[in-house]
């Protein structure tokens, strides 16, 4: 029988607002996070990942990362700390539980006690192996390929005016077929996905630069700061300026606690 991943800990973060962890590394193990509610922003290897309800994040061992809850809804997650199987490929760092199987498997895992002997002792590891397999399969599905293609296209054209016809043409599909297929794989309409990407890009600039809103707006595809503010507030429930202040205060609080 092939070796199984060894589960170190199964846990849960109950609803928390302004939750954050500064840069840290898992030296001996990896961690998988499943988002049950809220939104988690993670930074790994210079890349920012935004994970929402049903999303999965994987922090491989040895990889520096930080994480912070964002948005109005409190963050709630399940997490698995594990030692990967030897000589196995690293799983995708960000994926979505498209069919609901990962959440079901994680719920099932919590019914077993770690470290028990006898029948069922390997069940948590077997279930977790199924979780990793499902994550790999979802990443390889045609729907995820379409979402990845659209994301790459938008990253390269985020500053440009964009219509639904433009997106469908870029994907080489009719508008009707594109909307149906994209909604099946992502759960949201393409234009809503574009708005979210633009707001995410604005958030990154708000957090990492001192640029005023009027300078940020054209860099993320909005005509002016008023349009950006309107969409930002609709997506996040707060204004861009309040978002910037709240995140700065949260980061400072974490820094003082760790000092």
C-alpha atoms as a PDB file:
ATOM      1  CA  UNK A   1       0.000   0.000   0.000  1.00  0.00           C
ATOM      2  CA  UNK A   2       1.448   3.437  -0.903  1.00  0.00           C
ATOM      3  CA  UNK A   3       2.406   5.747   1.958  1.00  0.00           C
ATOM      4  CA  UNK A   4      -0.219   8.191   3.175  1.00  0.00           C
ATOM      5  CA  UNK A   5       0.056  11.809   4.287  1.00  0.00           C
ATOM      6  CA  UNK A   6       0.430  11.927   8.078  1.00  0.00           C
ATOM      7  CA  UNK A   7      -2.115  14.153   9.805  1.00  0.00           C
ATOM      8  CA  UNK A   8      -0.677  16.232  12.651  1.00  0.00           C
ATOM      9  CA  UNK A   9      -3.678  18.321  13.613  1.00  0.00           C
ATOM     10  CA  UNK A  10      -7.257  18.968  12.527  1.00  0.00           C
ATOM     11  CA  UNK A  11      -8.754  22.233  13.721  1.00  0.00           C
ATOM     12  CA  UNK A  12     -11.117  25.075  13.122  1.00  0.00           C
ATOM     13  CA  UNK A  13     -10.994  28.844  13.354  1.00  0.00           C
ATOM     14  CA  UNK A  14     -14.362  30.009  14.613  1.00  0.00           C
ATOM     15  CA  UNK A  15     -15.816  33.293  13.320  1.00  0.00           C
ATOM     16  CA  UNK A  16     -13.263  36.045  13.873  1.00  0.00           C
ATOM     17  CA  UNK A  17     -12.930  39.538  12.470  1.00  0.00           C
ATOM     18  CA  UNK A  18      -9.568  41.223  11.885  1.00  0.00           C
ATOM     19  CA  UNK A  19      -7.787  37.873  12.244  1.00  0.00           C
ATOM     20  CA  UNK A  20      -4.206  37.870  10.971  1.00  0.00           C
ATOM     21  CA  UNK A  21      -0.869  36.065  11.099  1.00  0.00           C
ATOM     22  CA  UNK A  22       2.347  37.718   9.972  1.00  0.00           C
ATOM     23  CA  UNK A  23       5.001  36.013   7.839  1.00  0.00           C
ATOM     24  CA  UNK A  24       5.795  32.525   9.079  1.00  0.00           C
ATOM     25  CA  UNK A  25       7.021  29.172   7.749  1.00  0.00           C
ATOM     26  CA  UNK A  26       6.039  25.564   8.432  1.00  0.00           C
ATOM     27  CA  UNK A  27       9.458  23.913   8.620  1.00  0.00           C
ATOM     28  CA  UNK A  28       8.367  20.268   8.909  1.00  0.00           C
ATOM     29  CA  UNK A  29       4.763  20.158   7.726  1.00  0.00           C
ATOM     30  CA  UNK A  30       2.246  21.674   5.318  1.00  0.00           C
ATOM     31  CA  UNK A  31      -1.203  23.122   5.961  1.00  0.00           C
ATOM     32  CA  UNK A  32      -4.483  23.047   4.057  1.00  0.00           C
ATOM     33  CA  UNK A  33      -7.135  25.696   4.771  1.00  0.00           C
ATOM     34  CA  UNK A  34     -10.806  25.388   3.781  1.00  0.00           C
ATOM     35  CA  UNK A  35     -12.850  28.607   3.874  1.00  0.00           C
ATOM     36  CA  UNK A  36     -16.257  28.064   5.469  1.00  0.00           C
ATOM     37  CA  UNK A  37     -17.223  31.743   5.725  1.00  0.00           C
ATOM     38  CA  UNK A  38     -15.662  35.131   5.131  1.00  0.00           C
ATOM     39  CA  UNK A  39     -12.614  35.864   3.005  1.00  0.00           C
ATOM     40  CA  UNK A  40      -8.942  35.101   3.650  1.00  0.00           C
ATOM     41  CA  UNK A  41      -6.084  36.913   1.928  1.00  0.00           C
ATOM     42  CA  UNK A  42      -2.837  34.931   1.818  1.00  0.00           C
ATOM     43  CA  UNK A  43       0.552  35.973   0.470  1.00  0.00           C
ATOM     44  CA  UNK A  44       3.019  33.348  -0.715  1.00  0.00           C
ATOM     45  CA  UNK A  45       6.136  33.737  -2.832  1.00  0.00           C
ATOM     46  CA  UNK A  46       5.217  37.294  -3.776  1.00  0.00           C
ATOM     47  CA  UNK A  47       1.713  36.360  -4.921  1.00  0.00           C
ATOM     48  CA  UNK A  48      -1.584  37.343  -3.296  1.00  0.00           C
ATOM     49  CA  UNK A  49      -4.390  34.771  -3.072  1.00  0.00           C
ATOM     50  CA  UNK A  50      -7.989  35.694  -2.220  1.00  0.00           C
ATOM     51  CA  UNK A  51     -10.007  32.750  -0.859  1.00  0.00           C
ATOM     52  CA  UNK A  52     -13.767  32.868  -0.313  1.00  0.00           C
ATOM     53  CA  UNK A  53     -16.428  30.377   0.834  1.00  0.00           C
ATOM     54  CA  UNK A  54     -15.628  26.950  -0.631  1.00  0.00           C
ATOM     55  CA  UNK A  55     -12.057  27.857  -1.582  1.00  0.00           C
ATOM     56  CA  UNK A  56      -8.986  25.878  -0.518  1.00  0.00           C
ATOM     57  CA  UNK A  57      -5.509  27.228   0.243  1.00  0.00           C
ATOM     58  CA  UNK A  58      -2.405  25.085   0.710  1.00  0.00           C
ATOM     59  CA  UNK A  59       0.705  26.373   2.501  1.00  0.00           C
ATOM     60  CA  UNK A  60       3.568  24.020   1.545  1.00  0.00           C
ATOM     61  CA  UNK A  61       6.307  23.390   4.089  1.00  0.00           C
ATOM     62  CA  UNK A  62       9.226  25.744   3.812  1.00  0.00           C
ATOM     63  CA  UNK A  63       7.209  28.466   2.057  1.00  0.00           C
ATOM     64  CA  UNK A  64       7.018  31.867   3.754  1.00  0.00           C
ATOM     65  CA  UNK A  65       3.428  33.114   3.968  1.00  0.00           C
ATOM     66  CA  UNK A  66       1.143  35.516   5.787  1.00  0.00           C
ATOM     67  CA  UNK A  67      -2.640  35.544   6.103  1.00  0.00           C
ATOM     68  CA  UNK A  68      -5.352  37.988   7.086  1.00  0.00           C
ATOM     69  CA  UNK A  69      -9.148  38.048   7.077  1.00  0.00           C
ATOM     70  CA  UNK A  70     -10.722  40.714   4.865  1.00  0.00           C
ATOM     71  CA  UNK A  71     -14.228  42.060   4.403  1.00  0.00           C
ATOM     72  CA  UNK A  72     -17.120  42.502   6.806  1.00  0.00           C
ATOM     73  CA  UNK A  73     -18.013  38.846   7.341  1.00  0.00           C
ATOM     74  CA  UNK A  74     -16.066  37.070  10.124  1.00  0.00           C
ATOM     75  CA  UNK A  75     -13.599  34.463   8.940  1.00  0.00           C
ATOM     76  CA  UNK A  76     -14.312  30.794   9.639  1.00  0.00           C
ATOM     77  CA  UNK A  77     -12.085  27.971   8.434  1.00  0.00           C
ATOM     78  CA  UNK A  78     -11.183  24.332   8.865  1.00  0.00           C
ATOM     79  CA  UNK A  79      -7.487  23.526   8.718  1.00  0.00           C
ATOM     80  CA  UNK A  80      -5.398  20.382   8.406  1.00  0.00           C
ATOM     81  CA  UNK A  81      -1.718  20.320   9.373  1.00  0.00           C
ATOM     82  CA  UNK A  82       0.000  17.364   7.725  1.00  0.00           C
ATOM     83  CA  UNK A  83       3.287  15.844   6.649  1.00  0.00           C
ATOM     84  CA  UNK A  84       3.169  15.211   2.883  1.00  0.00           C
ATOM     85  CA  UNK A  85       3.949  11.848   1.347  1.00  0.00           C
ATOM     86  CA  UNK A  86       7.619  11.564   0.304  1.00  0.00           C
ATOM     87  CA  UNK A  87       8.462  12.526  -3.287  1.00  0.00           C
ATOM     88  CA  UNK A  88       4.918  13.615  -4.197  1.00  0.00           C
ATOM     89  CA  UNK A  89       4.130  16.715  -6.263  1.00  0.00           C
ATOM     90  CA  UNK A  90       3.079  19.818  -4.373  1.00  0.00           C
ATOM     91  CA  UNK A  91      -0.734  20.253  -4.540  1.00  0.00           C
ATOM     92  CA  UNK A  92      -2.264  23.401  -6.053  1.00  0.00           C
ATOM     93  CA  UNK A  93      -1.952  26.341  -3.677  1.00  0.00           C
ATOM     94  CA  UNK A  94      -5.429  27.698  -4.433  1.00  0.00           C
ATOM     95  CA  UNK A  95      -8.522  25.865  -5.638  1.00  0.00           C
ATOM     96  CA  UNK A  96     -12.289  25.769  -5.299  1.00  0.00           C
ATOM     97  CA  UNK A  97     -14.450  22.927  -3.999  1.00  0.00           C
ATOM     98  CA  UNK A  98     -16.492  22.870  -7.186  1.00  0.00           C
ATOM     99  CA  UNK A  99     -18.549  19.765  -6.326  1.00  0.00           C
ATOM    100  CA  UNK A 100     -18.710  20.068  -2.527  1.00  0.00           C
ATOM    101  CA  UNK A 101     -16.686  16.878  -2.037  1.00  0.00           C
ATOM    102  CA  UNK A 102     -13.788  18.478  -0.186  1.00  0.00           C
ATOM    103  CA  UNK A 103     -16.048  20.007   2.460  1.00  0.00           C
ATOM    104  CA  UNK A 104     -17.821  16.667   2.905  1.00  0.00           C
ATOM    105  CA  UNK A 105     -14.506  14.822   3.341  1.00  0.00           C
ATOM    106  CA  UNK A 106     -13.221  17.389   5.851  1.00  0.00           C
ATOM    107  CA  UNK A 107     -16.405  17.119   7.906  1.00  0.00           C
ATOM    108  CA  UNK A 108     -15.992  13.349   7.869  1.00  0.00           C
ATOM    109  CA  UNK A 109     -12.362  13.622   8.982  1.00  0.00           C
ATOM    110  CA  UNK A 110     -13.374  15.448  12.160  1.00  0.00           C
ATOM    111  CA  UNK A 111     -15.337  12.368  13.301  1.00  0.00           C
ATOM    112  CA  UNK A 112     -12.133  10.357  13.711  1.00  0.00           C
ATOM    113  CA  UNK A 113      -9.661  10.771  16.548  1.00  0.00           C
ATOM    114  CA  UNK A 114      -6.030  11.243  15.566  1.00  0.00           C
ATOM    115  CA  UNK A 115      -3.530   8.811  17.034  1.00  0.00           C
ATOM    116  CA  UNK A 116      -6.013   6.028  17.761  1.00  0.00           C
ATOM    117  CA  UNK A 117      -4.993   2.401  17.289  1.00  0.00           C
ATOM    118  CA  UNK A 118      -6.830  -0.482  15.657  1.00  0.00           C
ATOM    119  CA  UNK A 119      -9.465  -0.422  12.906  1.00  0.00           C
ATOM    120  CA  UNK A 120      -9.990   3.018  11.441  1.00  0.00           C
ATOM    121  CA  UNK A 121      -6.622   4.373  12.574  1.00  0.00           C
ATOM    122  CA  UNK A 122      -5.661   5.277   9.000  1.00  0.00           C
ATOM    123  CA  UNK A 123      -9.051   6.720   8.089  1.00  0.00           C
ATOM    124  CA  UNK A 124      -8.124  10.434   8.543  1.00  0.00           C
ATOM    125  CA  UNK A 125      -5.111  10.006   6.260  1.00  0.00           C
ATOM    126  CA  UNK A 126      -7.150   8.082   3.689  1.00  0.00           C
ATOM    127  CA  UNK A 127      -9.835  10.770   3.668  1.00  0.00           C
ATOM    128  CA  UNK A 128      -7.236  13.492   3.409  1.00  0.00           C
ATOM    129  CA  UNK A 129      -5.590  11.729   0.488  1.00  0.00           C
ATOM    130  CA  UNK A 130      -9.016  11.885  -1.187  1.00  0.00           C
ATOM    131  CA  UNK A 131      -9.147  15.631  -0.424  1.00  0.00           C
ATOM    132  CA  UNK A 132      -5.803  16.197  -2.166  1.00  0.00           C
ATOM    133  CA  UNK A 133      -6.879  14.036  -5.105  1.00  0.00           C
ATOM    134  CA  UNK A 134     -10.107  16.028  -5.513  1.00  0.00           C
ATOM    135  CA  UNK A 135      -8.161  19.299  -5.375  1.00  0.00           C
ATOM    136  CA  UNK A 136      -5.883  18.073  -8.168  1.00  0.00           C
ATOM    137  CA  UNK A 137      -8.838  16.877 -10.277  1.00  0.00           C
ATOM    138  CA  UNK A 138     -10.742  20.148  -9.916  1.00  0.00           C
ATOM    139  CA  UNK A 139      -7.676  22.110 -11.021  1.00  0.00           C
ATOM    140  CA  UNK A 140      -7.452  19.986 -14.161  1.00  0.00           C
ATOM    141  CA  UNK A 141     -11.124  20.317 -15.120  1.00  0.00           C
ATOM    142  CA  UNK A 142     -12.037  22.256 -18.309  1.00  0.00           C
ATOM    143  CA  UNK A 143     -13.985  24.754 -16.222  1.00  0.00           C
ATOM    144  CA  UNK A 144     -10.959  25.690 -14.173  1.00  0.00           C
ATOM    145  CA  UNK A 145      -8.908  25.981 -17.343  1.00  0.00           C
ATOM    146  CA  UNK A 146     -11.442  28.494 -18.671  1.00  0.00           C
ATOM    147  CA  UNK A 147     -11.319  30.472 -15.436  1.00  0.00           C
ATOM    148  CA  UNK A 148      -7.513  30.432 -15.449  1.00  0.00           C
ATOM    149  CA  UNK A 149      -7.447  31.582 -19.100  1.00  0.00           C
ATOM    150  CA  UNK A 150      -9.819  34.446 -18.350  1.00  0.00           C
ATOM    151  CA  UNK A 151      -7.837  35.437 -15.272  1.00  0.00           C
ATOM    152  CA  UNK A 152      -4.577  35.568 -17.254  1.00  0.00           C
ATOM    153  CA  UNK A 153      -6.265  37.619 -19.978  1.00  0.00           C
ATOM    154  CA  UNK A 154      -7.741  40.097 -17.498  1.00  0.00           C
ATOM    155  CA  UNK A 155      -4.445  40.473 -15.640  1.00  0.00           C
ATOM    156  CA  UNK A 156      -2.886  41.642 -18.908  1.00  0.00           C
ATOM    157  CA  UNK A 157      -5.791  43.926 -19.887  1.00  0.00           C
ATOM    158  CA  UNK A 158      -7.132  45.140 -16.546  1.00  0.00           C
ATOM    159  CA  UNK A 159      -6.717  48.835 -17.376  1.00  0.00           C
ATOM    160  CA  UNK A 160      -8.714  48.579 -20.621  1.00  0.00           C
ATOM    161  CA  UNK A 161     -12.474  49.105 -21.038  1.00  0.00           C
ATOM    162  CA  UNK A 162     -14.036  45.658 -21.314  1.00  0.00           C
ATOM    163  CA  UNK A 163     -17.462  44.395 -22.393  1.00  0.00           C
ATOM    164  CA  UNK A 164     -18.954  40.924 -22.208  1.00  0.00           C
ATOM    165  CA  UNK A 165     -18.532  40.622 -25.980  1.00  0.00           C
ATOM    166  CA  UNK A 166     -14.818  41.425 -25.574  1.00  0.00           C
ATOM    167  CA  UNK A 167     -14.372  38.676 -22.982  1.00  0.00           C
ATOM    168  CA  UNK A 168     -16.228  36.068 -25.028  1.00  0.00           C
ATOM    169  CA  UNK A 169     -14.206  36.924 -28.130  1.00  0.00           C
ATOM    170  CA  UNK A 170     -10.938  36.682 -26.192  1.00  0.00           C
ATOM    171  CA  UNK A 171     -11.958  33.179 -25.025  1.00  0.00           C
ATOM    172  CA  UNK A 172     -12.917  32.187 -28.587  1.00  0.00           C
ATOM    173  CA  UNK A 173     -16.546  31.450 -27.652  1.00  0.00           C
ATOM    174  CA  UNK A 174     -19.993  32.819 -28.410  1.00  0.00           C
ATOM    175  CA  UNK A 175     -21.309  35.131 -25.721  1.00  0.00           C
ATOM    176  CA  UNK A 176     -24.103  32.758 -24.675  1.00  0.00           C
ATOM    177  CA  UNK A 177     -21.799  29.722 -24.482  1.00  0.00           C
ATOM    178  CA  UNK A 178     -19.104  31.666 -22.631  1.00  0.00           C
ATOM    179  CA  UNK A 179     -21.496  33.030 -19.992  1.00  0.00           C
ATOM    180  CA  UNK A 180     -23.006  29.588 -19.373  1.00  0.00           C
ATOM    181  CA  UNK A 181     -19.675  27.747 -19.149  1.00  0.00           C
ATOM    182  CA  UNK A 182     -17.990  30.383 -17.012  1.00  0.00           C
ATOM    183  CA  UNK A 183     -20.870  30.547 -14.571  1.00  0.00           C
ATOM    184  CA  UNK A 184     -20.876  26.740 -14.272  1.00  0.00           C
ATOM    185  CA  UNK A 185     -17.221  26.650 -13.238  1.00  0.00           C
ATOM    186  CA  UNK A 186     -16.937  29.817 -11.146  1.00  0.00           C
ATOM    187  CA  UNK A 187     -20.440  30.382  -9.782  1.00  0.00           C
ATOM    188  CA  UNK A 188     -20.466  34.039 -10.876  1.00  0.00           C
ATOM    189  CA  UNK A 189     -21.100  35.900 -14.164  1.00  0.00           C
ATOM    190  CA  UNK A 190     -17.974  36.953 -16.101  1.00  0.00           C
ATOM    191  CA  UNK A 191     -18.515  40.682 -15.573  1.00  0.00           C
ATOM    192  CA  UNK A 192     -18.914  40.170 -11.813  1.00  0.00           C
ATOM    193  CA  UNK A 193     -15.620  38.252 -11.886  1.00  0.00           C
ATOM    194  CA  UNK A 194     -13.991  41.172 -13.729  1.00  0.00           C
ATOM    195  CA  UNK A 195     -15.304  43.653 -11.146  1.00  0.00           C
ATOM    196  CA  UNK A 196     -13.949  41.501  -8.313  1.00  0.00           C
ATOM    197  CA  UNK A 197     -10.521  41.297  -9.969  1.00  0.00           C
ATOM    198  CA  UNK A 198     -10.432  45.085 -10.366  1.00  0.00           C
ATOM    199  CA  UNK A 199     -11.414  45.637  -6.750  1.00  0.00           C
ATOM    200  CA  UNK A 200      -8.784  43.083  -5.632  1.00  0.00           C
ATOM    201  CA  UNK A 201      -6.154  44.960  -7.633  1.00  0.00           C
ATOM    202  CA  UNK A 202      -7.283  48.227  -6.049  1.00  0.00           C
ATOM    203  CA  UNK A 203      -7.027  46.646  -2.583  1.00  0.00           C
ATOM    204  CA  UNK A 204      -3.434  45.592  -3.287  1.00  0.00           C
ATOM    205  CA  UNK A 205      -2.474  49.139  -4.284  1.00  0.00           C
ATOM    206  CA  UNK A 206      -4.303  50.608  -1.287  1.00  0.00           C
ATOM    207  CA  UNK A 207      -2.384  48.329   1.056  1.00  0.00           C
ATOM    208  CA  UNK A 208       1.056  48.410  -0.553  1.00  0.00           C
ATOM    209  CA  UNK A 209       1.354  52.010  -1.792  1.00  0.00           C
ATOM    210  CA  UNK A 210       0.518  55.567  -0.730  1.00  0.00           C
ATOM    211  CA  UNK A 211      -1.104  56.300  -4.095  1.00  0.00           C
ATOM    212  CA  UNK A 212      -4.259  58.442  -3.906  1.00  0.00           C
ATOM    213  CA  UNK A 213      -7.511  56.949  -5.148  1.00  0.00           C
ATOM    214  CA  UNK A 214      -7.534  59.110  -8.285  1.00  0.00           C
ATOM    215  CA  UNK A 215      -4.211  57.527  -9.314  1.00  0.00           C
ATOM    216  CA  UNK A 216      -5.290  53.982  -8.451  1.00  0.00           C
ATOM    217  CA  UNK A 217      -8.574  54.089 -10.400  1.00  0.00           C
ATOM    218  CA  UNK A 218      -7.146  54.128 -13.957  1.00  0.00           C
ATOM    219  CA  UNK A 219      -4.559  51.472 -13.080  1.00  0.00           C
ATOM    220  CA  UNK A 220      -7.301  48.976 -12.236  1.00  0.00           C
ATOM    221  CA  UNK A 221      -9.735  49.800 -15.036  1.00  0.00           C
ATOM    222  CA  UNK A 222     -12.048  52.400 -13.517  1.00  0.00           C
ATOM    223  CA  UNK A 223     -12.778  55.699 -15.238  1.00  0.00           C
ATOM    224  CA  UNK A 224     -12.307  57.792 -12.116  1.00  0.00           C
ATOM    225  CA  UNK A 225     -12.087  57.606  -8.322  1.00  0.00           C
ATOM    226  CA  UNK A 226     -15.856  58.013  -7.916  1.00  0.00           C
ATOM    227  CA  UNK A 227     -16.605  54.955 -10.044  1.00  0.00           C
ATOM    228  CA  UNK A 228     -13.972  52.966  -8.143  1.00  0.00           C
ATOM    229  CA  UNK A 229     -15.374  54.092  -4.778  1.00  0.00           C
ATOM    230  CA  UNK A 230     -18.923  53.127  -5.768  1.00  0.00           C
ATOM    231  CA  UNK A 231     -17.968  49.632  -6.943  1.00  0.00           C
ATOM    232  CA  UNK A 232     -15.524  49.110  -4.047  1.00  0.00           C
ATOM    233  CA  UNK A 233     -18.204  49.953  -1.481  1.00  0.00           C
ATOM    234  CA  UNK A 234     -20.702  47.662  -3.215  1.00  0.00           C
ATOM    235  CA  UNK A 235     -18.216  44.749  -3.214  1.00  0.00           C
ATOM    236  CA  UNK A 236     -16.746  45.229   0.279  1.00  0.00           C
ATOM    237  CA  UNK A 237     -19.324  47.210   2.220  1.00  0.00           C
ATOM    238  CA  UNK A 238     -16.842  49.948   3.121  1.00  0.00           C
ATOM    239  CA  UNK A 239     -15.110  52.812   1.324  1.00  0.00           C
ATOM    240  CA  UNK A 240     -11.548  52.450  -0.036  1.00  0.00           C
ATOM    241  CA  UNK A 241     -10.213  54.990   2.476  1.00  0.00           C
ATOM    242  CA  UNK A 242     -11.784  53.177   5.440  1.00  0.00           C
ATOM    243  CA  UNK A 243     -10.489  49.858   4.093  1.00  0.00           C
ATOM    244  CA  UNK A 244      -6.948  51.292   3.989  1.00  0.00           C
ATOM    245  CA  UNK A 245      -7.178  52.675   7.547  1.00  0.00           C
ATOM    246  CA  UNK A 246      -8.667  49.477   9.019  1.00  0.00           C
ATOM    247  CA  UNK A 247      -6.006  47.246   7.461  1.00  0.00           C
ATOM    248  CA  UNK A 248      -3.201  49.569   8.589  1.00  0.00           C
ATOM    249  CA  UNK A 249      -4.547  49.504  12.154  1.00  0.00           C
ATOM    250  CA  UNK A 250      -4.934  45.701  12.087  1.00  0.00           C
ATOM    251  CA  UNK A 251      -1.369  45.239  10.819  1.00  0.00           C
ATOM    252  CA  UNK A 252      -0.028  47.574  13.494  1.00  0.00           C
ATOM    253  CA  UNK A 253      -1.963  45.705  16.204  1.00  0.00           C
ATOM    254  CA  UNK A 254      -0.480  42.386  15.073  1.00  0.00           C
ATOM    255  CA  UNK A 255       3.008  43.923  14.987  1.00  0.00           C
ATOM    256  CA  UNK A 256       2.666  45.210  18.559  1.00  0.00           C
ATOM    257  CA  UNK A 257       1.356  41.866  19.806  1.00  0.00           C
ATOM    258  CA  UNK A 258       4.318  40.051  18.245  1.00  0.00           C
ATOM    259  CA  UNK A 259       6.871  42.584  19.521  1.00  0.00           C
END
